[in-house]
Amino acid sequence: MNKAELIEAIAKDSKLSKADAKKALDSFTTTVSKALKKGDRIALVGFGSFSTSRRAARKGRNPQTGKEIKIAAKTVVKFKAGAELAKKVN
């Protein structure tokens, strides 16, 4: 499912216009992004939680040449599904 299909599904399920559903989805993604950038954790009971963790710098290998390269440290986003979501999927 892509963004347009998600917006259409949200609009249909919530009886909102597609424009309002798009605004709601955009607001959600912006708010989550800002919170994660600040280092906050977002927990949606029954759905899951978004968090960040720091990945340390490390050495890797270029698969084409085999040459060793440095991989910079970075912050990564993690999502852990909640029990209800996991149950619905299985």
C-alpha atoms as a PDB file:
ATOM      1  CA  MET A   1       0.000   0.000   0.000  1.00  0.00           C
ATOM      2  CA  ASN A   2       1.380   3.391  -0.941  1.00  0.00           C
ATOM      3  CA  LYS A   3       0.549   6.795   0.545  1.00  0.00           C
ATOM      4  CA  ALA A   4      -2.297   7.537  -1.885  1.00  0.00           C
ATOM      5  CA  GLU A   5      -3.924   4.176  -1.175  1.00  0.00           C
ATOM      6  CA  LEU A   6      -3.530   4.727   2.573  1.00  0.00           C
ATOM      7  CA  ILE A   7      -5.160   8.161   2.319  1.00  0.00           C
ATOM      8  CA  GLU A   8      -8.041   6.656   0.347  1.00  0.00           C
ATOM      9  CA  ALA A   9      -8.506   3.873   2.933  1.00  0.00           C
ATOM     10  CA  ILE A  10      -8.425   6.359   5.836  1.00  0.00           C
ATOM     11  CA  ALA A  11     -10.947   8.606   4.080  1.00  0.00           C
ATOM     12  CA  LYS A  12     -13.288   5.696   3.395  1.00  0.00           C
ATOM     13  CA  ASP A  13     -13.026   4.209   6.899  1.00  0.00           C
ATOM     14  CA  SER A  14     -13.390   7.505   8.781  1.00  0.00           C
ATOM     15  CA  LYS A  15     -15.849   9.116   6.350  1.00  0.00           C
ATOM     16  CA  LEU A  16     -13.497  12.082   5.890  1.00  0.00           C
ATOM     17  CA  SER A  17     -12.757  13.716   2.574  1.00  0.00           C
ATOM     18  CA  LYS A  18      -9.520  12.649   0.918  1.00  0.00           C
ATOM     19  CA  ALA A  19      -8.137  16.146   1.513  1.00  0.00           C
ATOM     20  CA  ASP A  20      -8.867  15.919   5.249  1.00  0.00           C
ATOM     21  CA  ALA A  21      -7.438  12.396   5.416  1.00  0.00           C
ATOM     22  CA  LYS A  22      -4.265  13.630   3.687  1.00  0.00           C
ATOM     23  CA  LYS A  23      -3.964  16.512   6.168  1.00  0.00           C
ATOM     24  CA  ALA A  24      -4.421  14.098   9.084  1.00  0.00           C
ATOM     25  CA  LEU A  25      -1.811  11.665   7.752  1.00  0.00           C
ATOM     26  CA  ASP A  26       0.669  14.456   6.981  1.00  0.00           C
ATOM     27  CA  SER A  27       0.138  15.909  10.455  1.00  0.00           C
ATOM     28  CA  PHE A  28       0.711  12.486  12.031  1.00  0.00           C
ATOM     29  CA  THR A  29       3.957  11.868  10.141  1.00  0.00           C
ATOM     30  CA  THR A  30       5.249  15.390  10.847  1.00  0.00           C
ATOM     31  CA  THR A  31       4.428  15.148  14.552  1.00  0.00           C
ATOM     32  CA  VAL A  32       6.037  11.707  14.885  1.00  0.00           C
ATOM     33  CA  SER A  33       9.139  12.882  13.009  1.00  0.00           C
ATOM     34  CA  LYS A  34       9.557  15.932  15.239  1.00  0.00           C
ATOM     35  CA  ALA A  35       9.090  13.894  18.411  1.00  0.00           C
ATOM     36  CA  LEU A  36      11.622  11.263  17.296  1.00  0.00           C
ATOM     37  CA  LYS A  37      14.119  13.965  16.342  1.00  0.00           C
ATOM     38  CA  LYS A  38      13.878  15.292  19.930  1.00  0.00           C
ATOM     39  CA  GLY A  39      14.515  11.761  21.216  1.00  0.00           C
ATOM     40  CA  ASP A  40      10.978  11.143  22.450  1.00  0.00           C
ATOM     41  CA  ARG A  41       9.260   7.756  22.300  1.00  0.00           C
ATOM     42  CA  ILE A  42       5.779   7.509  20.793  1.00  0.00           C
ATOM     43  CA  ALA A  43       3.575   4.732  22.181  1.00  0.00           C
ATOM     44  CA  LEU A  44       0.212   3.965  20.598  1.00  0.00           C
ATOM     45  CA  VAL A  45      -1.428   1.394  22.865  1.00  0.00           C
ATOM     46  CA  GLY A  46      -2.560  -1.618  20.856  1.00  0.00           C
ATOM     47  CA  PHE A  47      -0.695  -0.516  17.746  1.00  0.00           C
ATOM     48  CA  GLY A  48       2.981  -0.173  18.637  1.00  0.00           C
ATOM     49  CA  SER A  49       5.738   2.203  19.590  1.00  0.00           C
ATOM     50  CA  PHE A  50       8.247   4.308  17.698  1.00  0.00           C
ATOM     51  CA  SER A  51      11.641   5.069  19.216  1.00  0.00           C
ATOM     52  CA  THR A  52      15.187   5.915  18.216  1.00  0.00           C
ATOM     53  CA  SER A  53      18.506   4.367  19.091  1.00  0.00           C
ATOM     54  CA  ARG A  54      22.080   5.335  18.392  1.00  0.00           C
ATOM     55  CA  ARG A  55      24.085   3.090  16.081  1.00  0.00           C
ATOM     56  CA  ALA A  56      27.819   3.320  16.731  1.00  0.00           C
ATOM     57  CA  ALA A  57      30.387   3.952  14.016  1.00  0.00           C
ATOM     58  CA  ARG A  58      31.806   0.770  12.587  1.00  0.00           C
ATOM     59  CA  LYS A  59      33.933  -0.682   9.824  1.00  0.00           C
ATOM     60  CA  GLY A  60      32.384  -2.343   6.809  1.00  0.00           C
ATOM     61  CA  ARG A  61      33.414  -3.672   3.430  1.00  0.00           C
ATOM     62  CA  ASN A  62      32.565  -2.424  -0.039  1.00  0.00           C
ATOM     63  CA  PRO A  63      30.964  -5.534  -1.606  1.00  0.00           C
ATOM     64  CA  GLN A  64      32.279  -4.707  -5.092  1.00  0.00           C
ATOM     65  CA  THR A  65      35.919  -4.078  -4.201  1.00  0.00           C
ATOM     66  CA  GLY A  66      36.277  -5.724  -0.794  1.00  0.00           C
ATOM     67  CA  LYS A  67      37.928  -2.516   0.439  1.00  0.00           C
ATOM     68  CA  GLU A  68      37.354  -1.638   4.084  1.00  0.00           C
ATOM     69  CA  ILE A  69      35.228   1.478   4.649  1.00  0.00           C
ATOM     70  CA  LYS A  70      34.174   3.511   7.658  1.00  0.00           C
ATOM     71  CA  ILE A  71      30.434   3.624   8.388  1.00  0.00           C
ATOM     72  CA  ALA A  72      29.507   6.725  10.369  1.00  0.00           C
ATOM     73  CA  ALA A  73      27.485   6.647  13.574  1.00  0.00           C
ATOM     74  CA  LYS A  74      23.828   7.532  13.171  1.00  0.00           C
ATOM     75  CA  THR A  75      20.464   7.558  14.849  1.00  0.00           C
ATOM     76  CA  VAL A  76      17.991   4.967  13.574  1.00  0.00           C
ATOM     77  CA  VAL A  77      14.224   4.756  13.977  1.00  0.00           C
ATOM     78  CA  LYS A  78      12.711   1.588  15.437  1.00  0.00           C
ATOM     79  CA  PHE A  79       9.118   0.378  15.473  1.00  0.00           C
ATOM     80  CA  LYS A  80       7.895  -2.352  17.783  1.00  0.00           C
ATOM     81  CA  ALA A  81       4.441  -3.736  17.066  1.00  0.00           C
ATOM     82  CA  GLY A  82       1.983  -3.891  19.947  1.00  0.00           C
ATOM     83  CA  ALA A  83       0.302  -7.113  21.053  1.00  0.00           C
ATOM     84  CA  GLU A  84      -3.059  -6.272  19.435  1.00  0.00           C
ATOM     85  CA  LEU A  85      -1.460  -5.444  16.071  1.00  0.00           C
ATOM     86  CA  ALA A  86       0.639  -8.604  16.156  1.00  0.00           C
ATOM     87  CA  LYS A  87      -2.460 -10.665  16.962  1.00  0.00           C
ATOM     88  CA  LYS A  88      -4.427  -9.116  14.076  1.00  0.00           C
ATOM     89  CA  VAL A  89      -1.622  -9.835  11.613  1.00  0.00           C
ATOM     90  CA  ASN A  90      -1.244 -13.486  12.609  1.00  0.00           C
END
